[in-house]
N, C-alpha and C. Protein backbone atom coordinates (compact mmCIF):
# COMPACT_ATOMS: atom_id res chain seq x y z
N UNK A 1 26.50 -9.36 1.78
CA UNK A 1 25.56 -8.80 2.56
C UNK A 1 24.19 -9.58 2.65
N UNK A 2 23.78 -9.52 4.05
CA UNK A 2 22.72 -10.44 4.38
C UNK A 2 21.19 -9.98 3.70
N UNK A 3 20.45 -11.36 3.82
CA UNK A 3 19.09 -10.64 3.38
C UNK A 3 18.51 -9.67 3.66
N UNK A 4 18.41 -9.57 5.04
CA UNK A 4 18.01 -8.43 6.10
C UNK A 4 18.05 -7.17 5.58
N UNK A 5 19.49 -7.22 5.60
CA UNK A 5 20.40 -5.47 5.26
C UNK A 5 19.73 -5.38 3.56
N UNK A 6 19.71 -6.09 2.72
CA UNK A 6 18.77 -5.68 1.37
C UNK A 6 17.64 -5.61 1.32
N UNK A 7 16.98 -6.51 2.27
CA UNK A 7 15.44 -6.04 2.29
C UNK A 7 15.38 -4.29 3.22
N UNK A 8 15.75 -4.43 4.21
CA UNK A 8 15.96 -3.06 4.99
C UNK A 8 16.52 -1.91 3.53
N UNK A 9 17.41 -1.82 2.92
CA UNK A 9 17.68 -1.13 1.60
C UNK A 9 16.76 -0.89 0.84
N UNK A 10 16.28 -2.16 0.43
CA UNK A 10 14.92 -1.84 -0.44
C UNK A 10 13.54 -1.18 0.04
N UNK A 11 13.75 -1.80 1.48
CA UNK A 11 12.48 -0.52 2.04
C UNK A 11 12.31 0.66 2.57
N UNK A 12 13.66 0.72 2.49
CA UNK A 12 14.00 2.57 2.69
C UNK A 12 14.04 3.02 1.15
N UNK A 13 13.97 2.68 -0.39
CA UNK A 13 13.65 2.96 -1.50
C UNK A 13 12.15 2.85 -1.45
N UNK A 14 11.34 1.98 -0.89
CA UNK A 14 10.51 2.35 -1.12
C UNK A 14 9.48 3.20 -0.57
N UNK A 15 10.31 3.54 1.14
CA UNK A 15 9.28 4.67 1.61
C UNK A 15 9.68 5.75 1.49
N UNK A 16 10.80 5.94 0.31
CA UNK A 16 11.12 7.19 -0.36
C UNK A 16 9.81 7.43 -1.84
N UNK A 17 9.82 6.19 -2.25
CA UNK A 17 8.79 6.45 -3.50
C UNK A 17 7.00 6.35 -2.86
N UNK A 18 7.17 6.00 -2.06
CA UNK A 18 5.54 6.56 -1.00
C UNK A 18 5.58 7.59 -0.72
N UNK A 19 6.50 8.21 0.17
CA UNK A 19 6.53 9.52 0.88
C UNK A 19 6.34 10.36 -0.59
N UNK A 20 7.16 10.06 -1.70
CA UNK A 20 7.40 11.39 -2.76
C UNK A 20 5.78 11.46 -3.41
N UNK A 21 5.45 10.30 -3.18
CA UNK A 21 3.83 10.13 -4.31
C UNK A 21 2.97 11.23 -3.65
N UNK A 22 3.11 11.53 -2.43
CA UNK A 22 1.60 12.65 -1.99
C UNK A 22 2.52 13.97 -2.11
N UNK A 23 3.60 13.93 -2.71
CA UNK A 23 3.83 15.58 -3.01
C UNK A 23 2.95 15.62 -4.39
N UNK A 24 2.72 15.04 -5.33
CA UNK A 24 2.17 15.47 -6.61
C UNK A 24 0.77 15.53 -6.43
N UNK A 25 0.15 16.67 -7.86
CA UNK A 25 -1.15 17.05 -7.62
C UNK A 25 -1.94 16.03 -8.81
N UNK A 26 -1.37 15.51 -9.62
CA UNK A 26 -1.80 14.63 -10.43
C UNK A 26 -1.75 12.96 -9.96
N UNK A 27 -2.99 12.28 -10.29
CA UNK A 27 -3.28 11.19 -9.56
C UNK A 27 -2.62 9.98 -9.95
N UNK A 28 -2.54 10.15 -11.43
CA UNK A 28 -1.91 9.57 -12.79
C UNK A 28 -0.01 9.15 -11.72
N UNK A 29 0.32 10.70 -11.38
CA UNK A 29 1.73 10.38 -11.03
C UNK A 29 1.79 10.09 -9.59
N UNK A 30 0.72 10.53 -8.90
CA UNK A 30 0.57 10.01 -7.83
C UNK A 30 0.50 8.07 -7.59
N UNK A 31 -0.04 7.71 -8.64
CA UNK A 31 -0.36 6.29 -9.04
C UNK A 31 0.97 5.56 -9.27
N UNK A 32 1.99 6.26 -9.76
CA UNK A 32 3.21 5.93 -10.48
C UNK A 32 4.30 5.64 -9.31
N UNK A 33 3.83 6.87 -8.26
CA UNK A 33 5.08 6.54 -7.23
C UNK A 33 4.37 5.62 -6.01
N UNK A 34 3.79 5.19 -5.93
CA UNK A 34 2.85 4.20 -5.24
C UNK A 34 3.23 3.03 -5.70
N UNK A 35 3.52 2.90 -7.01
CA UNK A 35 3.71 1.51 -7.87
C UNK A 35 4.67 1.01 -7.54
N UNK A 36 5.88 2.38 -7.75
CA UNK A 36 7.71 2.31 -7.62
C UNK A 36 7.52 1.83 -6.17
N UNK A 37 6.92 2.03 -5.29
CA UNK A 37 6.96 1.81 -3.80
C UNK A 37 6.48 0.57 -3.41
N UNK A 38 5.51 0.35 -4.16
CA UNK A 38 4.85 -0.79 -3.61
C UNK A 38 5.82 -2.18 -4.62
N UNK A 39 6.25 -1.76 -5.75
CA UNK A 39 7.43 -3.08 -6.32
C UNK A 39 8.70 -3.08 -5.38
N UNK A 40 9.49 -2.41 -5.22
CA UNK A 40 10.18 -2.06 -4.14
C UNK A 40 9.73 -3.46 -2.78
N UNK A 41 8.89 -3.02 -2.33
CA UNK A 41 8.49 -3.54 -1.11
C UNK A 41 8.52 -5.05 -1.01
N UNK A 42 7.96 -5.36 -2.54
CA UNK A 42 7.70 -6.57 -3.17
C UNK A 42 8.83 -7.42 -2.38
N UNK A 43 9.69 -6.78 -3.48
CA UNK A 43 11.48 -7.66 -3.19
C UNK A 43 12.53 -7.37 -2.03
N UNK A 44 11.70 -6.34 -1.05
CA UNK A 44 11.84 -6.20 0.16
C UNK A 44 11.32 -7.74 1.21
N UNK A 45 9.91 -7.45 0.75
CA UNK A 45 9.48 -9.07 1.87
C UNK A 45 9.91 -10.56 1.27
N UNK A 46 10.12 -10.41 -0.26
CA UNK A 46 10.96 -11.62 -0.57
C UNK A 46 12.31 -11.86 -0.19
N UNK A 47 13.04 -10.98 0.25
CA UNK A 47 14.10 -11.33 0.78
C UNK A 47 14.06 -11.24 2.20
N UNK A 48 13.05 -11.11 3.35
CA UNK A 48 12.39 -11.60 4.56
C UNK A 48 11.62 -13.01 4.28
N UNK A 49 11.35 -13.60 3.32
CA UNK A 49 10.85 -14.42 3.16
C UNK A 49 9.06 -14.17 4.09
N UNK A 50 8.80 -13.47 3.67
CA UNK A 50 7.13 -12.75 3.90
C UNK A 50 6.46 -12.83 3.10
N UNK A 51 5.85 -14.29 2.35
CA UNK A 51 5.44 -14.46 1.12
C UNK A 51 4.18 -14.17 0.96
N UNK A 52 3.49 -13.82 2.17
CA UNK A 52 1.95 -13.15 2.14
C UNK A 52 1.67 -11.70 1.49
N UNK A 53 2.70 -11.65 2.71
CA UNK A 53 3.07 -9.72 2.32
C UNK A 53 3.23 -9.45 1.03
N UNK A 54 4.46 -10.63 0.69
CA UNK A 54 4.86 -10.31 -0.72
C UNK A 54 3.94 -10.36 -1.75
N UNK A 55 3.13 -11.43 -2.16
CA UNK A 55 2.02 -11.13 -2.66
C UNK A 55 1.11 -10.73 -3.07
N UNK A 56 0.67 -10.25 -1.35
CA UNK A 56 -0.59 -9.21 -1.51
C UNK A 56 -0.11 -7.81 -1.69
N UNK A 57 1.36 -7.70 -1.76
CA UNK A 57 1.79 -6.46 -2.49
C UNK A 57 1.60 -6.56 -4.15
N UNK A 58 2.38 -7.44 -4.23
CA UNK A 58 2.46 -7.81 -5.96
C UNK A 58 0.90 -7.54 -6.67
N UNK A 59 -0.07 -8.61 -5.79
CA UNK A 59 -1.52 -7.90 -6.45
C UNK A 59 -2.19 -6.40 -6.03
N UNK A 60 -1.35 -6.23 -5.28
CA UNK A 60 -1.88 -4.42 -5.11
C UNK A 60 -0.87 -3.31 -6.29
N UNK A 61 0.01 -3.86 -6.44
CA UNK A 61 0.57 -3.50 -7.42
C UNK A 61 0.22 -3.41 -8.84
N UNK A 62 -0.26 -4.67 -9.54
CA UNK A 62 -1.29 -4.98 -10.20
C UNK A 62 -2.81 -4.10 -10.21
N UNK A 63 -3.05 -3.78 -9.06
CA UNK A 63 -4.32 -3.01 -8.58
C UNK A 63 -3.76 -1.82 -9.27
N UNK A 64 -2.81 -1.28 -8.61
CA UNK A 64 -2.64 0.13 -8.67
C UNK A 64 -1.87 0.21 -10.69
N UNK A 65 -1.58 -0.61 -11.71
CA UNK A 65 -1.45 -0.44 -12.76
C UNK A 65 -2.41 -0.22 -13.79
N UNK A 66 -3.83 -1.33 -12.83
CA UNK A 66 -5.07 -1.19 -13.68
C UNK A 66 -5.36 0.32 -13.19
N UNK A 67 -5.60 0.61 -11.71
CA UNK A 67 -6.42 1.96 -11.55
C UNK A 67 -5.32 2.62 -12.08
N UNK A 68 -4.13 2.69 -12.84
CA UNK A 68 -3.38 4.01 -13.04
C UNK A 68 -3.67 4.13 -15.17
N UNK A 69 -4.10 2.64 -15.55
CA UNK A 69 -5.08 2.79 -16.67
C UNK A 69 -6.39 3.69 -16.85
N UNK A 70 -7.21 3.39 -15.94
CA UNK A 70 -8.53 4.01 -16.22
C UNK A 70 -7.71 5.37 -15.90
N UNK A 71 -7.22 5.94 -15.18
CA UNK A 71 -6.85 7.29 -14.52
C UNK A 71 -6.12 7.68 -16.20
N UNK A 72 -5.19 7.41 -17.00
CA UNK A 72 -4.75 7.75 -17.65
C UNK A 72 -5.90 7.98 -18.93
N UNK A 73 -6.62 7.31 -18.84
CA UNK A 73 -8.10 7.18 -20.26
C UNK A 73 -9.34 7.88 -19.66
N UNK A 74 -9.06 8.69 -18.22
CA UNK A 74 -9.97 9.81 -17.54
C UNK A 74 -11.20 8.94 -17.38
N UNK A 75 -10.96 7.33 -16.79
CA UNK A 75 -12.20 7.33 -16.31
C UNK A 75 -12.26 6.31 -15.58
N UNK A 76 -13.54 5.99 -14.35
CA UNK A 76 -13.31 5.62 -13.08
C UNK A 76 -13.22 4.16 -13.02
N UNK A 77 -12.78 4.12 -11.94
CA UNK A 77 -12.89 2.41 -11.72
C UNK A 77 -13.83 2.01 -11.38
N UNK A 78 -14.69 0.49 -12.49
CA UNK A 78 -15.42 0.03 -12.09
C UNK A 78 -16.13 -0.62 -10.28
N UNK A 79 -16.84 -0.47 -9.76
CA UNK A 79 -16.91 -1.42 -8.33
C UNK A 79 -16.75 -2.57 -8.61
N UNK A 80 -17.01 -3.73 -9.51
CA UNK A 80 -16.80 -4.76 -10.06
C UNK A 80 -15.15 -5.08 -9.83
N UNK A 81 -14.59 -4.14 -10.18
CA UNK A 81 -12.88 -4.66 -10.28
C UNK A 81 -12.49 -4.08 -8.61
N UNK A 82 -13.02 -3.33 -8.05
CA UNK A 82 -12.30 -3.03 -6.31
C UNK A 82 -12.97 -4.24 -5.47
N UNK A 83 -14.38 -4.79 -5.95
CA UNK A 83 -14.96 -5.90 -5.14
C UNK A 83 -13.85 -7.29 -5.46
N UNK A 84 -13.97 -7.51 -6.81
CA UNK A 84 -12.72 -8.54 -7.51
C UNK A 84 -11.43 -8.91 -6.56
N UNK A 85 -11.17 -7.39 -6.86
CA UNK A 85 -9.51 -6.83 -6.15
C UNK A 85 -9.78 -7.49 -4.32
N UNK A 86 -10.65 -7.05 -3.82
CA UNK A 86 -10.76 -7.70 -2.44
C UNK A 86 -10.77 -9.17 -2.13
N UNK A 87 -11.47 -9.20 -3.06
CA UNK A 87 -12.11 -11.12 -3.15
C UNK A 87 -10.63 -11.87 -3.89
N UNK A 88 -9.45 -11.60 -4.28
CA UNK A 88 -8.50 -11.87 -4.44
C UNK A 88 -7.66 -11.98 -3.43
N UNK A 89 -7.60 -10.74 -2.92
CA UNK A 89 -6.78 -10.63 -1.70
C UNK A 89 -6.97 -11.53 -0.45
N UNK A 90 -8.63 -11.45 -0.03
CA UNK A 90 -8.76 -12.49 1.02
C UNK A 90 -8.73 -13.84 0.32
N UNK A 91 -8.39 -14.71 -0.97
CA UNK A 91 -8.47 -16.01 -1.49
C UNK A 91 -6.99 -16.28 -1.30
N UNK A 92 -6.43 -14.81 -1.54
CA UNK A 92 -4.28 -15.38 -1.26
C UNK A 92 -4.69 -15.14 -0.18
N UNK A 93 -4.90 -14.83 0.92
CA UNK A 93 -4.65 -14.98 2.61
C UNK A 93 -5.13 -16.76 3.02
N UNK A 94 -6.27 -17.06 2.65
CA UNK A 94 -6.71 -18.24 2.20
C UNK A 94 -5.99 -19.25 2.03
N UNK A 95 -5.40 -19.14 0.90
CA UNK A 95 -4.41 -20.35 0.10
C UNK A 95 -3.18 -20.06 0.85
N UNK A 96 -2.33 -18.87 1.08
CA UNK A 96 -1.09 -18.96 1.30
C UNK A 96 -1.15 -19.13 3.28
N UNK A 97 -1.48 -18.26 3.90
CA UNK A 97 -1.77 -18.37 4.90
C UNK A 97 -2.24 -19.79 5.59
N UNK A 98 -3.40 -20.05 5.25
CA UNK A 98 -4.60 -21.13 5.78
C UNK A 98 -4.32 -22.49 5.30
N UNK A 99 -3.76 -22.90 3.93
CA UNK A 99 -3.86 -23.53 3.45
C UNK A 99 -2.52 -24.45 3.34
N UNK A 100 -1.37 -23.55 2.59
CA UNK A 100 -0.47 -24.10 2.24
C UNK A 100 0.48 -23.67 3.65
N UNK A 101 1.00 -22.79 3.99
CA UNK A 101 2.06 -22.70 5.37
C UNK A 101 1.17 -22.58 6.76
N UNK A 102 -0.30 -22.86 6.65
CA UNK A 102 -0.48 -23.24 7.76
C UNK A 102 -0.30 -22.20 8.99
N UNK A 103 -0.30 -20.93 8.93
CA UNK A 103 0.31 -19.86 9.84
C UNK A 103 -0.56 -19.27 10.27
N UNK A 104 -2.02 -18.99 9.67
CA UNK A 104 -3.26 -18.42 9.65
C UNK A 104 -3.24 -17.82 11.39
N UNK A 105 -3.05 -16.33 11.07
CA UNK A 105 -3.29 -15.69 12.81
C UNK A 105 -4.15 -14.47 12.49
N UNK A 106 -4.87 -14.45 13.68
CA UNK A 106 -5.74 -13.18 13.57
C UNK A 106 -5.78 -12.12 13.61
N UNK A 107 -3.90 -11.63 13.62
CA UNK A 107 -3.79 -10.41 13.02
C UNK A 107 -3.76 -10.01 11.59
N UNK A 108 -3.19 -11.26 10.35
CA UNK A 108 -3.34 -10.92 9.93
C UNK A 108 -4.56 -10.72 9.18
N UNK A 109 -5.69 -10.96 9.52
CA UNK A 109 -7.04 -10.12 9.07
C UNK A 109 -6.74 -8.55 8.92
N UNK A 110 -6.14 -7.77 9.80
CA UNK A 110 -5.56 -6.66 10.07
C UNK A 110 -5.58 -6.03 8.52
N UNK A 111 -4.66 -7.07 8.01
CA UNK A 111 -3.41 -6.64 6.30
C UNK A 111 -4.36 -6.93 5.31
N UNK A 112 -5.11 -8.00 5.66
CA UNK A 112 -6.44 -8.14 4.64
C UNK A 112 -7.61 -6.60 4.68
N UNK A 113 -7.49 -6.87 5.66
CA UNK A 113 -8.67 -5.20 5.72
C UNK A 113 -7.89 -4.07 5.26
N UNK A 114 -6.77 -3.91 5.52
CA UNK A 114 -5.51 -3.04 5.34
C UNK A 114 -5.91 -2.60 3.40
N UNK A 115 -5.31 -3.73 2.95
CA UNK A 115 -5.18 -4.03 1.39
C UNK A 115 -6.82 -3.69 1.23
N UNK A 116 -7.76 -4.46 1.69
CA UNK A 116 -8.97 -3.96 0.63
C UNK A 116 -9.61 -2.40 0.85
N UNK A 117 -9.22 -1.96 1.59
CA UNK A 117 -9.01 -0.42 2.28
C UNK A 117 -8.12 0.18 1.59
N UNK A 118 -7.15 -0.15 0.98
CA UNK A 118 -6.19 0.09 -0.14
C UNK A 118 -6.62 0.38 -1.37
N UNK A 119 -7.30 -0.45 -1.79
CA UNK A 119 -8.06 -1.19 -3.13
C UNK A 119 -9.47 -0.17 -3.22
N UNK A 120 -10.32 0.41 -2.08
CA UNK A 120 -11.21 0.99 -2.11
C UNK A 120 -10.55 2.83 -2.29
N UNK A 121 -9.64 2.96 -1.52
CA UNK A 121 -9.68 4.68 -1.67
C UNK A 121 -8.59 4.77 -3.09
N UNK A 122 -7.71 3.87 -3.18
CA UNK A 122 -6.94 4.21 -4.43
C UNK A 122 -8.27 4.18 -5.88
N UNK A 123 -9.46 3.51 -5.42
CA UNK A 123 -10.31 3.82 -6.58
C UNK A 123 -10.97 5.25 -6.53
N UNK A 124 -10.79 6.40 -6.12
CA UNK A 124 -11.64 7.50 -5.75
C UNK A 124 -10.98 7.92 -7.27
N UNK A 125 -11.29 9.11 -7.56
CA UNK A 125 -10.72 9.72 -8.76
C UNK A 125 -10.21 10.99 -8.45
N UNK A 126 -10.58 11.70 -6.98
CA UNK A 126 -10.37 12.94 -6.53
C UNK A 126 -9.29 12.90 -5.57
N UNK A 127 -8.22 13.21 -5.92
CA UNK A 127 -6.77 12.81 -5.28
C UNK A 127 -7.31 13.29 -4.05
N UNK A 128 -7.69 14.25 -3.77
CA UNK A 128 -8.00 15.05 -2.42
C UNK A 128 -8.73 14.33 -1.35
N UNK A 129 -9.95 13.32 -1.51
CA UNK A 129 -10.33 12.32 -1.14
C UNK A 129 -9.54 11.29 -1.20
N UNK A 130 -8.48 10.63 -1.97
CA UNK A 130 -7.43 9.97 -1.56
C UNK A 130 -6.73 10.05 -0.46
N UNK A 131 -6.34 11.28 -0.18
CA UNK A 131 -5.32 11.98 0.71
C UNK A 131 -5.80 11.89 1.69
N UNK A 132 -6.97 12.37 2.49
CA UNK A 132 -7.71 12.37 3.42
C UNK A 132 -7.98 10.61 3.97
N UNK A 133 -8.72 10.03 2.82
CA UNK A 133 -8.91 8.41 3.08
C UNK A 133 -7.72 7.24 3.08
N UNK A 134 -6.46 7.78 2.72
CA UNK A 134 -5.12 6.63 2.73
C UNK A 134 -4.79 6.80 4.46
N UNK A 135 -5.03 7.97 4.94
CA UNK A 135 -4.75 7.90 6.21
C UNK A 135 -5.55 6.41 7.28
N UNK A 136 -6.14 6.06 7.09
CA UNK A 136 -7.08 5.41 7.50
C UNK A 136 -6.60 3.54 7.02
N UNK A 137 -5.73 3.37 5.91
CA UNK A 137 -5.35 2.20 5.92
C UNK A 137 -3.58 2.06 5.97
N UNK A 138 -3.17 3.45 6.10
CA UNK A 138 -2.12 3.76 6.61
C UNK A 138 -1.78 3.39 8.20
N UNK A 139 -2.59 3.95 8.60
CA UNK A 139 -2.56 3.64 10.35
C UNK A 139 -2.65 1.82 10.75
N UNK A 140 -3.95 1.55 10.02
CA UNK A 140 -3.96 0.23 9.75
C UNK A 140 -2.21 -0.82 9.71
N UNK A 141 -1.78 0.16 9.01
CA UNK A 141 -0.51 -0.68 8.45
C UNK A 141 0.36 -0.59 9.44
N UNK A 142 0.36 0.60 10.19
CA UNK A 142 1.36 0.74 11.00
C UNK A 142 1.33 -0.46 12.04
N UNK A 143 -0.08 -0.17 12.68
CA UNK A 143 -0.60 -1.33 14.26
C UNK A 143 -0.52 -2.67 13.88
N UNK A 144 -0.61 -2.99 12.21
CA UNK A 144 -0.09 -4.97 12.07
C UNK A 144 1.11 -4.63 12.04
N UNK A 145 2.29 -3.65 11.59
CA UNK A 145 3.45 -4.59 11.74
C UNK A 145 4.31 -4.01 12.96
N UNK A 146 3.47 -3.14 14.02
CA UNK A 146 3.56 -3.15 15.36
C UNK A 146 3.54 -4.58 16.22
N UNK A 147 2.09 -5.08 15.98
CA UNK A 147 1.33 -6.69 16.27
C UNK A 147 2.52 -7.42 15.87
N UNK A 148 2.89 -7.69 14.66
CA UNK A 148 3.55 -8.95 14.03
C UNK A 148 5.24 -8.65 14.07
N UNK A 149 5.36 -7.64 15.08
CA UNK A 149 7.03 -7.26 15.75
C UNK A 149 7.58 -7.17 14.64
N UNK A 150 7.09 -6.20 13.24
CA UNK A 150 8.01 -6.36 12.08
C UNK A 150 9.68 -5.27 12.72
N UNK A 151 10.12 -5.56 11.65
CA UNK A 151 11.59 -4.61 11.84
C UNK A 151 11.12 -3.03 12.24
N UNK A 152 11.72 -2.42 13.42
CA UNK A 152 11.46 -1.17 13.73
C UNK A 152 11.53 -0.25 12.29
N UNK A 153 12.28 -0.62 11.20
CA UNK A 153 12.60 0.10 9.99
C UNK A 153 10.80 0.38 9.36
N UNK A 154 10.27 -0.69 9.32
CA UNK A 154 9.16 -1.14 8.68
C UNK A 154 8.28 0.06 9.12
N UNK A 155 8.00 -0.14 10.49
CA UNK A 155 7.40 0.59 11.41
C UNK A 155 7.40 2.34 10.83
N UNK A 156 9.00 2.14 11.28
CA UNK A 156 8.83 3.91 10.83
C UNK A 156 8.81 4.41 9.91
N UNK A 157 9.05 3.51 8.41
CA UNK A 157 8.50 4.05 7.15
C UNK A 157 6.87 4.45 6.93
N UNK A 158 5.98 3.94 7.87
CA UNK A 158 4.52 3.45 7.50
C UNK A 158 4.23 4.39 7.95
N UNK A 159 4.82 4.60 9.06
CA UNK A 159 4.38 5.97 10.32
C UNK A 159 4.94 7.27 9.27
N UNK A 160 6.31 7.23 8.73
CA UNK A 160 6.98 8.43 7.70
C UNK A 160 5.84 8.38 6.84
N UNK A 161 5.33 7.25 6.43
CA UNK A 161 4.13 7.66 4.81
C UNK A 161 3.06 8.26 5.76
N UNK A 162 2.22 8.10 6.59
CA UNK A 162 1.58 8.49 7.53
C UNK A 162 1.77 9.85 7.64
N UNK A 163 2.82 10.38 8.02
CA UNK A 163 2.70 11.74 8.32
C UNK A 163 2.84 12.48 7.55
N UNK A 164 3.78 12.24 6.17
CA UNK A 164 3.79 12.73 5.14
C UNK A 164 2.02 12.68 4.53
N UNK A 165 1.33 11.77 4.39
CA UNK A 165 0.21 11.69 3.98
C UNK A 165 -0.91 13.22 5.15
N UNK A 166 -0.45 13.41 6.32
CA UNK A 166 -1.22 13.97 6.73
C UNK A 166 -0.74 15.42 6.54
N UNK A 167 1.11 15.93 6.25
CA UNK A 167 1.17 16.66 6.21
C UNK A 167 0.47 17.45 4.79
N UNK A 168 0.50 16.59 3.61
CA UNK A 168 0.20 17.25 2.52
C UNK A 168 -1.48 17.11 2.83
N UNK A 169 -2.23 16.60 3.30
CA UNK A 169 -3.44 17.07 3.64
C UNK A 169 -3.20 18.75 4.15
N UNK A 170 -2.78 18.68 5.05
CA UNK A 170 -3.01 20.52 5.66
C UNK A 170 -2.30 21.31 4.71
N UNK A 171 -0.89 20.94 3.76
CA UNK A 171 -0.25 21.78 2.91
C UNK A 171 -1.80 21.66 1.64
N UNK A 172 -2.58 21.12 1.15
CA UNK A 172 -3.29 21.56 0.26
C UNK A 172 -4.77 21.60 0.65
N UNK A 173 -4.86 21.54 1.72
CA UNK A 173 -6.25 22.40 2.24
C UNK A 173 -6.13 23.53 2.08
N UNK A 174 -5.24 24.29 1.85
CA UNK A 174 -5.38 25.63 1.10
C UNK A 174 -5.80 25.87 0.01
N UNK A 175 -6.74 26.58 -0.32
CA UNK A 175 -7.40 26.23 -1.87
C UNK A 175 -6.30 26.90 -3.32
N UNK A 176 -5.37 27.98 -2.39
CA UNK A 176 -4.31 28.75 -3.40
C UNK A 176 -3.34 27.22 -3.98
N UNK A 177 -3.04 26.42 -2.69
CA UNK A 177 -2.06 25.23 -3.56
C UNK A 177 -2.88 23.90 -4.16
N UNK A 178 -4.02 23.86 -4.49
CA UNK A 178 -4.55 22.70 -4.95
C UNK A 178 -4.63 23.06 -6.22
């Protein structure tokens, strides 16, 4: 089986994990499924040779684990952790794309901004606020993948996740379902 096909299968698993996360009412469970989706995409991008995205997703996975620990202990995420996460993501871009591979591209800035927005959004304690605000980095993820001519399944996956996020906003907007 080729690396592209393996990456495609793993991306499908990631899409299911990400989409499933929106169905839960507890933020800790939501973060577990987001983490599983992120872990799946780390391996998918590894098979595609997309190292910047792979490392960024790995950093996002460590962010999700950190946020999960705060959530399980019923504590808010300190602002310095969010800022540190964004700084590390930017440093990752500089090291991987500018210094090591010399493949810096203006489109990659969209991805850096998107990952920083994920760090900010996931820091909110209220899952309903997370559901509303996650649509911004999800839309940027779709845009980024279209601009870099990512495989169509990747674009479809992010679009599907965005659609599920919007559907759960509508579903949970009914007070009896919250």
